[in-house]
PDB file of all heavy atoms in Angstrom:
ATOM      1  N   ILE A   1      88.354  93.423 116.525  1.00  0.00           N
ATOM      2  CA  ILE A   1      88.049  94.850 116.638  1.00  0.00           C
ATOM      3  C   ILE A   1      87.392  95.319 115.339  1.00  0.00           C
ATOM      4  O   ILE A   1      87.855  94.996 114.248  1.00  0.00           O
ATOM      5  CB  ILE A   1      89.305  95.700 116.903  1.00  0.00           C
ATOM      6  CG1 ILE A   1      89.997  95.287 118.215  1.00  0.00           C
ATOM      7  CG2 ILE A   1      88.945  97.186 116.952  1.00  0.00           C
ATOM      8  CD1 ILE A   1      91.211  96.141 118.569  1.00  0.00           C
ATOM      9  N   HIS A   2      86.314  96.086 115.482  1.00  0.00           N
ATOM     10  CA  HIS A   2      85.710  96.718 114.319  1.00  0.00           C
ATOM     11  C   HIS A   2      86.623  97.835 113.807  1.00  0.00           C
ATOM     12  O   HIS A   2      87.107  98.639 114.608  1.00  0.00           O
ATOM     13  CB  HIS A   2      84.369  97.351 114.686  1.00  0.00           C
ATOM     14  CG  HIS A   2      83.281  96.372 114.927  1.00  0.00           C
ATOM     15  ND1 HIS A   2      81.967  96.758 115.133  1.00  0.00           N
ATOM     16  CD2 HIS A   2      83.279  95.014 115.008  1.00  0.00           C
ATOM     17  CE1 HIS A   2      81.225  95.697 115.319  1.00  0.00           C
ATOM     18  NE2 HIS A   2      81.999  94.618 115.257  1.00  0.00           N
ATOM     19  N   PRO A   3      86.812  97.940 112.512  1.00  0.00           N
ATOM     20  CA  PRO A   3      87.559  99.084 111.977  1.00  0.00           C
ATOM     21  C   PRO A   3      86.684 100.332 111.978  1.00  0.00           C
ATOM     22  O   PRO A   3      85.456 100.255 112.158  1.00  0.00           O
ATOM     23  CB  PRO A   3      87.876  98.642 110.550  1.00  0.00           C
ATOM     24  CG  PRO A   3      86.727  97.753 110.193  1.00  0.00           C
ATOM     25  CD  PRO A   3      86.375  97.018 111.462  1.00  0.00           C
ATOM     26  N   ALA A   4      87.300 101.483 111.779  1.00  0.00           N
ATOM     27  CA  ALA A   4      86.544 102.716 111.588  1.00  0.00           C
ATOM     28  C   ALA A   4      85.657 102.559 110.360  1.00  0.00           C
ATOM     29  O   ALA A   4      86.129 102.176 109.291  1.00  0.00           O
ATOM     30  CB  ALA A   4      87.499 103.892 111.416  1.00  0.00           C
ATOM     31  N   ALA A   5      84.366 102.857 110.526  1.00  0.00           N
ATOM     32  CA  ALA A   5      83.427 102.683 109.418  1.00  0.00           C
ATOM     33  C   ALA A   5      82.356 103.768 109.446  1.00  0.00           C
ATOM     34  O   ALA A   5      81.180 103.498 109.652  1.00  0.00           O
ATOM     35  CB  ALA A   5      82.781 101.297 109.491  1.00  0.00           C
ATOM     36  N   PRO A   6      82.740 105.021 109.268  1.00  0.00           N
ATOM     37  CA  PRO A   6      81.748 106.104 109.293  1.00  0.00           C
ATOM     38  C   PRO A   6      80.750 105.970 108.151  1.00  0.00           C
ATOM     39  O   PRO A   6      81.098 105.558 107.045  1.00  0.00           O
ATOM     40  CB  PRO A   6      82.609 107.368 109.145  1.00  0.00           C
ATOM     41  CG  PRO A   6      83.868 106.903 108.488  1.00  0.00           C
ATOM     42  CD  PRO A   6      84.095 105.508 108.976  1.00  0.00           C
ATOM     43  N   ASN A   7      79.490 106.315 108.421  1.00  0.00           N
ATOM     44  CA  ASN A   7      78.459 106.187 107.390  1.00  0.00           C
ATOM     45  C   ASN A   7      78.682 107.127 106.213  1.00  0.00           C
ATOM     46  O   ASN A   7      78.109 106.935 105.148  1.00  0.00           O
ATOM     47  CB  ASN A   7      77.070 106.414 107.992  1.00  0.00           C
ATOM     48  CG  ASN A   7      76.551 105.179 108.698  1.00  0.00           C
ATOM     49  OD1 ASN A   7      76.930 104.065 108.357  1.00  0.00           O
ATOM     50  ND2 ASN A   7      75.707 105.368 109.688  1.00  0.00           N
ATOM     51  N   GLY A   8      79.522 108.142 106.400  1.00  0.00           N
ATOM     52  CA  GLY A   8      79.829 109.030 105.289  1.00  0.00           C
ATOM     53  C   GLY A   8      80.880 108.483 104.338  1.00  0.00           C
ATOM     54  O   GLY A   8      81.283 109.153 103.395  1.00  0.00           O
ATOM     55  N   CYS A   9      81.307 107.252 104.592  1.00  0.00           N
ATOM     56  CA  CYS A   9      82.407 106.647 103.836  1.00  0.00           C
ATOM     57  C   CYS A   9      81.876 106.084 102.510  1.00  0.00           C
ATOM     58  O   CYS A   9      81.808 104.875 102.309  1.00  0.00           O
ATOM     59  CB  CYS A   9      83.024 105.548 104.696  1.00  0.00           C
ATOM     60  SG  CYS A   9      84.648 105.006 104.183  1.00  0.00           S
ATOM     61  N   VAL A  10      81.476 106.977 101.599  1.00  0.00           N
ATOM     62  CA  VAL A  10      80.760 106.536 100.405  1.00  0.00           C
ATOM     63  C   VAL A  10      81.529 106.768  99.109  1.00  0.00           C
ATOM     64  O   VAL A  10      81.070 106.377  98.048  1.00  0.00           O
ATOM     65  CB  VAL A  10      79.378 107.233 100.311  1.00  0.00           C
ATOM     66  CG1 VAL A  10      78.496 106.825 101.477  1.00  0.00           C
ATOM     67  CG2 VAL A  10      79.543 108.748 100.270  1.00  0.00           C
ATOM     68  N   ASP A  11      82.693 107.414  99.185  1.00  0.00           N
ATOM     69  CA  ASP A  11      83.462 107.629  97.962  1.00  0.00           C
ATOM     70  C   ASP A  11      84.924 107.302  98.236  1.00  0.00           C
ATOM     71  O   ASP A  11      85.320 107.022  99.364  1.00  0.00           O
ATOM     72  CB  ASP A  11      83.312 109.060  97.450  1.00  0.00           C
ATOM     73  CG  ASP A  11      83.681 110.099  98.502  1.00  0.00           C
ATOM     74  OD1 ASP A  11      84.606 109.853  99.303  1.00  0.00           O
ATOM     75  OD2 ASP A  11      83.047 111.164  98.522  1.00  0.00           O
ATOM     76  N   GLN A  12      85.738 107.335  97.194  1.00  0.00           N
ATOM     77  CA  GLN A  12      87.131 106.916  97.321  1.00  0.00           C
ATOM     78  C   GLN A  12      87.904 107.799  98.279  1.00  0.00           C
ATOM     79  O   GLN A  12      88.746 107.329  99.043  1.00  0.00           O
ATOM     80  CB  GLN A  12      87.805 106.905  95.952  1.00  0.00           C
ATOM     81  CG  GLN A  12      89.201 106.307  95.964  1.00  0.00           C
ATOM     82  CD  GLN A  12      89.234 104.908  96.552  1.00  0.00           C
ATOM     83  OE1 GLN A  12      88.381 104.064  96.235  1.00  0.00           O
ATOM     84  NE2 GLN A  12      90.192 104.637  97.433  1.00  0.00           N
ATOM     85  N   SER A  13      87.617 109.096  98.270  1.00  0.00           N
ATOM     86  CA  SER A  13      88.336 110.017  99.146  1.00  0.00           C
ATOM     87  C   SER A  13      88.061 109.710 100.617  1.00  0.00           C
ATOM     88  O   SER A  13      88.991 109.639 101.432  1.00  0.00           O
ATOM     89  CB  SER A  13      87.929 111.458  98.834  1.00  0.00           C
ATOM     90  OG  SER A  13      88.528 112.350  99.758  1.00  0.00           O
ATOM     91  N   SER A  14      86.801 109.509 100.963  1.00  0.00           N
ATOM     92  CA  SER A  14      86.462 109.230 102.364  1.00  0.00           C
ATOM     93  C   SER A  14      86.928 107.840 102.775  1.00  0.00           C
ATOM     94  O   SER A  14      87.361 107.640 103.911  1.00  0.00           O
ATOM     95  CB  SER A  14      84.953 109.382 102.594  1.00  0.00           C
ATOM     96  OG  SER A  14      84.213 108.554 101.728  1.00  0.00           O
ATOM     97  N   ARG A  15      86.885 106.880 101.851  1.00  0.00           N
ATOM     98  CA  ARG A  15      87.386 105.536 102.163  1.00  0.00           C
ATOM     99  C   ARG A  15      88.895 105.571 102.393  1.00  0.00           C
ATOM    100  O   ARG A  15      89.421 104.883 103.267  1.00  0.00           O
ATOM    101  CB  ARG A  15      87.038 104.561 101.041  1.00  0.00           C
ATOM    102  CG  ARG A  15      85.574 104.151 101.017  1.00  0.00           C
ATOM    103  CD  ARG A  15      85.369 102.897 100.192  1.00  0.00           C
ATOM    104  NE  ARG A  15      83.982 102.493 100.206  1.00  0.00           N
ATOM    105  CZ  ARG A  15      83.112 102.739  99.225  1.00  0.00           C
ATOM    106  NH1 ARG A  15      83.509 103.374  98.150  1.00  0.00           N
ATOM    107  NH2 ARG A  15      81.860 102.340  99.327  1.00  0.00           N
ATOM    108  N   SER A  16      89.588 106.360 101.605  1.00  0.00           N
ATOM    109  CA  SER A  16      91.039 106.483 101.763  1.00  0.00           C
ATOM    110  C   SER A  16      91.385 107.093 103.116  1.00  0.00           C
ATOM    111  O   SER A  16      92.317 106.648 103.800  1.00  0.00           O
ATOM    112  CB  SER A  16      91.608 107.334 100.629  1.00  0.00           C
ATOM    113  OG  SER A  16      92.994 107.504 100.774  1.00  0.00           O
ATOM    114  N   LYS A  17      90.612 108.093 103.531  1.00  0.00           N
ATOM    115  CA  LYS A  17      90.833 108.706 104.835  1.00  0.00           C
ATOM    116  C   LYS A  17      90.589 107.703 105.951  1.00  0.00           C
ATOM    117  O   LYS A  17      91.382 107.598 106.900  1.00  0.00           O
ATOM    118  CB  LYS A  17      89.915 109.919 105.009  1.00  0.00           C
ATOM    119  CG  LYS A  17      90.075 110.613 106.349  1.00  0.00           C
ATOM    120  CD  LYS A  17      89.129 111.805 106.472  1.00  0.00           C
ATOM    121  CE  LYS A  17      89.260 112.461 107.843  1.00  0.00           C
ATOM    122  NZ  LYS A  17      88.324 113.613 108.004  1.00  0.00           N
ATOM    123  N   ALA A  18      89.489 106.934 105.833  1.00  0.00           N
ATOM    124  CA  ALA A  18      89.180 105.924 106.851  1.00  0.00           C
ATOM    125  C   ALA A  18      90.257 104.842 106.883  1.00  0.00           C
ATOM    126  O   ALA A  18      90.617 104.345 107.960  1.00  0.00           O
ATOM    127  CB  ALA A  18      87.809 105.308 106.578  1.00  0.00           C
ATOM    128  N   PHE A  19      90.777 104.487 105.720  1.00  0.00           N
ATOM    129  CA  PHE A  19      91.846 103.493 105.652  1.00  0.00           C
ATOM    130  C   PHE A  19      93.064 103.966 106.446  1.00  0.00           C
ATOM    131  O   PHE A  19      93.641 103.218 107.243  1.00  0.00           O
ATOM    132  CB  PHE A  19      92.224 103.237 104.194  1.00  0.00           C
ATOM    133  CG  PHE A  19      93.332 102.244 104.009  1.00  0.00           C
ATOM    134  CD1 PHE A  19      93.063 100.891 103.913  1.00  0.00           C
ATOM    135  CD2 PHE A  19      94.662 102.661 103.930  1.00  0.00           C
ATOM    136  CE1 PHE A  19      94.087  99.971 103.742  1.00  0.00           C
ATOM    137  CE2 PHE A  19      95.688 101.752 103.760  1.00  0.00           C
ATOM    138  CZ  PHE A  19      95.400 100.401 103.665  1.00  0.00           C
ATOM    139  N   ASP A  20      93.463 105.214 106.242  1.00  0.00           N
ATOM    140  CA  ASP A  20      94.620 105.760 106.952  1.00  0.00           C
ATOM    141  C   ASP A  20      94.375 105.817 108.462  1.00  0.00           C
ATOM    142  O   ASP A  20      95.282 105.548 109.260  1.00  0.00           O
ATOM    143  CB  ASP A  20      94.945 107.155 106.428  1.00  0.00           C
ATOM    144  CG  ASP A  20      95.471 107.146 104.992  1.00  0.00           C
ATOM    145  OD1 ASP A  20      95.892 106.078 104.524  1.00  0.00           O
ATOM    146  OD2 ASP A  20      95.436 108.215 104.348  1.00  0.00           O
ATOM    147  N   ILE A  21      93.158 106.152 108.840  1.00  0.00           N
ATOM    148  CA  ILE A  21      92.800 106.169 110.265  1.00  0.00           C
ATOM    149  C   ILE A  21      92.950 104.774 110.861  1.00  0.00           C
ATOM    150  O   ILE A  21      93.515 104.593 111.941  1.00  0.00           O
ATOM    151  CB  ILE A  21      91.362 106.697 110.455  1.00  0.00           C
ATOM    152  CG1 ILE A  21      91.309 108.196 110.164  1.00  0.00           C
ATOM    153  CG2 ILE A  21      90.853 106.408 111.872  1.00  0.00           C
ATOM    154  CD1 ILE A  21      89.899 108.751 110.059  1.00  0.00           C
ATOM    155  N   ASN A  22      92.446 103.787 110.150  1.00  0.00           N
ATOM    156  CA  ASN A  22      92.530 102.413 110.645  1.00  0.00           C
ATOM    157  C   ASN A  22      93.971 101.956 110.811  1.00  0.00           C
ATOM    158  O   ASN A  22      94.338 101.390 111.841  1.00  0.00           O
ATOM    159  CB  ASN A  22      91.783 101.468 109.695  1.00  0.00           C
ATOM    160  CG  ASN A  22      90.288 101.480 109.917  1.00  0.00           C
ATOM    161  OD1 ASN A  22      89.819 101.501 111.054  1.00  0.00           O
ATOM    162  ND2 ASN A  22      89.534 101.474 108.842  1.00  0.00           N
ATOM    163  N   VAL A  23      94.793 102.199 109.798  1.00  0.00           N
ATOM    164  CA  VAL A  23      96.188 101.759 109.876  1.00  0.00           C
ATOM    165  C   VAL A  23      96.878 102.412 111.066  1.00  0.00           C
ATOM    166  O   VAL A  23      97.579 101.747 111.853  1.00  0.00           O
ATOM    167  CB  VAL A  23      96.938 102.062 108.562  1.00  0.00           C
ATOM    168  CG1 VAL A  23      98.441 101.812 108.733  1.00  0.00           C
ATOM    169  CG2 VAL A  23      96.387 101.195 107.425  1.00  0.00           C
ATOM    170  N   ALA A  24      96.674 103.700 111.247  1.00  0.00           N
ATOM    171  CA  ALA A  24      97.335 104.409 112.347  1.00  0.00           C
ATOM    172  C   ALA A  24      96.855 103.908 113.708  1.00  0.00           C
ATOM    173  O   ALA A  24      97.667 103.688 114.621  1.00  0.00           O
ATOM    174  CB  ALA A  24      97.081 105.910 112.217  1.00  0.00           C
ATOM    175  N   ARG A  25      95.554 103.712 113.848  1.00  0.00           N
ATOM    176  CA  ARG A  25      95.015 103.313 115.157  1.00  0.00           C
ATOM    177  C   ARG A  25      95.382 101.862 115.482  1.00  0.00           C
ATOM    178  O   ARG A  25      95.749 101.543 116.609  1.00  0.00           O
ATOM    179  CB  ARG A  25      93.507 103.537 115.200  1.00  0.00           C
ATOM    180  CG  ARG A  25      93.171 105.025 115.292  1.00  0.00           C
ATOM    181  CD  ARG A  25      91.675 105.294 115.246  1.00  0.00           C
ATOM    182  NE  ARG A  25      90.957 104.808 116.408  1.00  0.00           N
ATOM    183  CZ  ARG A  25      90.953 105.426 117.601  1.00  0.00           C
ATOM    184  NH1 ARG A  25      91.655 106.529 117.792  1.00  0.00           N
ATOM    185  NH2 ARG A  25      90.238 104.925 118.589  1.00  0.00           N
ATOM    186  N   PHE A  26      95.286 100.986 114.504  1.00  0.00           N
ATOM    187  CA  PHE A  26      95.688  99.599 114.751  1.00  0.00           C
ATOM    188  C   PHE A  26      97.184  99.508 115.046  1.00  0.00           C
ATOM    189  O   PHE A  26      97.603  98.766 115.938  1.00  0.00           O
ATOM    190  CB  PHE A  26      95.320  98.706 113.562  1.00  0.00           C
ATOM    191  CG  PHE A  26      93.861  98.345 113.495  1.00  0.00           C
ATOM    192  CD1 PHE A  26      93.105  98.644 112.379  1.00  0.00           C
ATOM    193  CD2 PHE A  26      93.245  97.708 114.559  1.00  0.00           C
ATOM    194  CE1 PHE A  26      91.757  98.313 112.316  1.00  0.00           C
ATOM    195  CE2 PHE A  26      91.898  97.369 114.510  1.00  0.00           C
ATOM    196  CZ  PHE A  26      91.150  97.677 113.384  1.00  0.00           C
ATOM    197  N   LYS A  27      97.970 100.274 114.313  1.00  0.00           N
ATOM    198  CA  LYS A  27      99.422 100.232 114.516  1.00  0.00           C
ATOM    199  C   LYS A  27      99.784 100.660 115.936  1.00  0.00           C
ATOM    200  O   LYS A  27     100.729 100.123 116.541  1.00  0.00           O
ATOM    201  CB  LYS A  27     100.112 101.147 113.495  1.00  0.00           C
ATOM    202  CG  LYS A  27     101.599 100.854 113.312  1.00  0.00           C
ATOM    203  CD  LYS A  27     101.802  99.535 112.575  1.00  0.00           C
ATOM    204  CE  LYS A  27     103.261  99.268 112.280  1.00  0.00           C
ATOM    205  NZ  LYS A  27     103.476  97.933 111.671  1.00  0.00           N
ATOM    206  N   SER A  28      99.028 101.603 116.488  1.00  0.00           N
ATOM    207  CA  SER A  28      99.323 102.069 117.844  1.00  0.00           C
ATOM    208  C   SER A  28      99.076 100.982 118.891  1.00  0.00           C
ATOM    209  O   SER A  28      99.616 101.046 119.992  1.00  0.00           O
ATOM    210  CB  SER A  28      98.472 103.300 118.171  1.00  0.00           C
ATOM    211  OG  SER A  28      97.111 102.962 118.384  1.00  0.00           O
ATOM    212  N   LEU A  29      98.282  99.973 118.536  1.00  0.00           N
ATOM    213  CA  LEU A  29      98.001  98.877 119.468  1.00  0.00           C
ATOM    214  C   LEU A  29      98.997  97.723 119.336  1.00  0.00           C
ATOM    215  O   LEU A  29      98.990  96.803 120.153  1.00  0.00           O
ATOM    216  CB  LEU A  29      96.585  98.340 119.231  1.00  0.00           C
ATOM    217  CG  LEU A  29      95.437  99.313 119.518  1.00  0.00           C
ATOM    218  CD1 LEU A  29      94.113  98.728 119.042  1.00  0.00           C
ATOM    219  CD2 LEU A  29      95.371  99.663 121.001  1.00  0.00           C
ATOM    220  N   GLN A  30      99.850  97.778 118.317  1.00  0.00           N
ATOM    221  CA  GLN A  30     100.764  96.667 118.063  1.00  0.00           C
ATOM    222  C   GLN A  30     101.702  96.367 119.228  1.00  0.00           C
ATOM    223  O   GLN A  30     101.872  95.179 119.580  1.00  0.00           O
ATOM    224  CB  GLN A  30     101.577  96.931 116.794  1.00  0.00           C
ATOM    225  CG  GLN A  30     102.506  95.784 116.425  1.00  0.00           C
ATOM    226  CD  GLN A  30     103.226  96.028 115.111  1.00  0.00           C
ATOM    227  OE1 GLN A  30     102.729  96.734 114.229  1.00  0.00           O
ATOM    228  NE2 GLN A  30     104.427  95.461 114.966  1.00  0.00           N
ATOM    229  N   PRO A  31     102.328  97.362 119.877  1.00  0.00           N
ATOM    230  CA  PRO A  31     103.224  97.028 120.999  1.00  0.00           C
ATOM    231  C   PRO A  31     102.521  96.256 122.116  1.00  0.00           C
ATOM    232  O   PRO A  31     103.093  95.306 122.669  1.00  0.00           O
ATOM    233  CB  PRO A  31     103.708  98.401 121.472  1.00  0.00           C
ATOM    234  CG  PRO A  31     103.604  99.274 120.272  1.00  0.00           C
ATOM    235  CD  PRO A  31     102.372  98.805 119.562  1.00  0.00           C
ATOM    236  N   CYS A  32     101.300  96.646 122.441  1.00  0.00           N
ATOM    237  CA  CYS A  32     100.552  95.943 123.491  1.00  0.00           C
ATOM    238  C   CYS A  32     100.228  94.524 123.048  1.00  0.00           C
ATOM    239  O   CYS A  32     100.354  93.570 123.827  1.00  0.00           O
ATOM    240  CB  CYS A  32      99.278  96.716 123.819  1.00  0.00           C
ATOM    241  SG  CYS A  32      98.324  96.015 125.186  1.00  0.00           S
ATOM    242  N   ALA A  33      99.820  94.362 121.790  1.00  0.00           N
ATOM    243  CA  ALA A  33      99.509  93.028 121.272  1.00  0.00           C
ATOM    244  C   ALA A  33     100.749  92.140 121.268  1.00  0.00           C
ATOM    245  O   ALA A  33     100.670  90.946 121.588  1.00  0.00           O
ATOM    246  CB  ALA A  33      98.925  93.143 119.866  1.00  0.00           C
ATOM    247  N   GLU A  34     101.896  92.710 120.924  1.00  0.00           N
ATOM    248  CA  GLU A  34     103.144  91.940 120.936  1.00  0.00           C
ATOM    249  C   GLU A  34     103.510  91.517 122.354  1.00  0.00           C
ATOM    250  O   GLU A  34     103.888  90.368 122.594  1.00  0.00           O
ATOM    251  CB  GLU A  34     104.269  92.770 120.319  1.00  0.00           C
ATOM    252  CG  GLU A  34     104.149  92.944 118.822  1.00  0.00           C
ATOM    253  CD  GLU A  34     105.213  93.864 118.255  1.00  0.00           C
ATOM    254  OE1 GLU A  34     105.849  94.597 119.052  1.00  0.00           O
ATOM    255  OE2 GLU A  34     105.401  93.865 117.020  1.00  0.00           O
ATOM    256  N   GLU A  35     103.410  92.444 123.279  1.00  0.00           N
ATOM    257  CA  GLU A  35     103.786  92.153 124.664  1.00  0.00           C
ATOM    258  C   GLU A  35     102.938  91.041 125.259  1.00  0.00           C
ATOM    259  O   GLU A  35     103.445  90.207 126.031  1.00  0.00           O
ATOM    260  CB  GLU A  35     103.661  93.413 125.516  1.00  0.00           C
ATOM    261  CG  GLU A  35     104.037  93.200 126.978  1.00  0.00           C
ATOM    262  CD  GLU A  35     103.922  94.459 127.810  1.00  0.00           C
ATOM    263  OE1 GLU A  35     103.666  95.549 127.240  1.00  0.00           O
ATOM    264  OE2 GLU A  35     104.090  94.360 129.051  1.00  0.00           O
ATOM    265  N   HIS A  36     101.669  90.989 124.873  1.00  0.00           N
ATOM    266  CA  HIS A  36     100.751  90.036 125.496  1.00  0.00           C
ATOM    267  C   HIS A  36     100.361  88.891 124.563  1.00  0.00           C
ATOM    268  O   HIS A  36      99.465  88.106 124.888  1.00  0.00           O
ATOM    269  CB  HIS A  36      99.517  90.781 126.003  1.00  0.00           C
ATOM    270  CG  HIS A  36      99.860  91.787 127.067  1.00  0.00           C
ATOM    271  ND1 HIS A  36     100.104  91.422 128.372  1.00  0.00           N
ATOM    272  CD2 HIS A  36     100.056  93.128 126.995  1.00  0.00           C
ATOM    273  CE1 HIS A  36     100.406  92.510 129.074  1.00  0.00           C
ATOM    274  NE2 HIS A  36     100.390  93.550 128.265  1.00  0.00           N
ATOM    275  N   ASP A  37     101.049  88.769 123.432  1.00  0.00           N
ATOM    276  CA  ASP A  37     100.869  87.661 122.498  1.00  0.00           C
ATOM    277  C   ASP A  37      99.407  87.505 122.059  1.00  0.00           C
ATOM    278  O   ASP A  37      98.821  86.426 122.141  1.00  0.00           O
ATOM    279  CB  ASP A  37     101.371  86.350 123.111  1.00  0.00           C
ATOM    280  CG  ASP A  37     101.482  85.237 122.076  1.00  0.00           C
ATOM    281  OD1 ASP A  37     101.629  85.552 120.878  1.00  0.00           O
ATOM    282  OD2 ASP A  37     101.392  84.050 122.467  1.00  0.00           O
ATOM    283  N   VAL A  38      98.844  88.600 121.612  1.00  0.00           N
ATOM    284  CA  VAL A  38      97.473  88.604 121.107  1.00  0.00           C
ATOM    285  C   VAL A  38      97.487  89.049 119.647  1.00  0.00           C
ATOM    286  O   VAL A  38      98.263  89.924 119.261  1.00  0.00           O
ATOM    287  CB  VAL A  38      96.575  89.549 121.941  1.00  0.00           C
ATOM    288  CG1 VAL A  38      95.211  89.765 121.280  1.00  0.00           C
ATOM    289  CG2 VAL A  38      96.392  88.977 123.347  1.00  0.00           C
TER     290      VAL A  38
END
């Protein structure tokens, strides 16, 4: 899966925001991945 990568992600503040978005969105998929061994 591609992570969130907005073109405005050019400084530490925007990268930090994108990082938090990625962690939250990937984490929400963890139960499904666990259930189906992916």
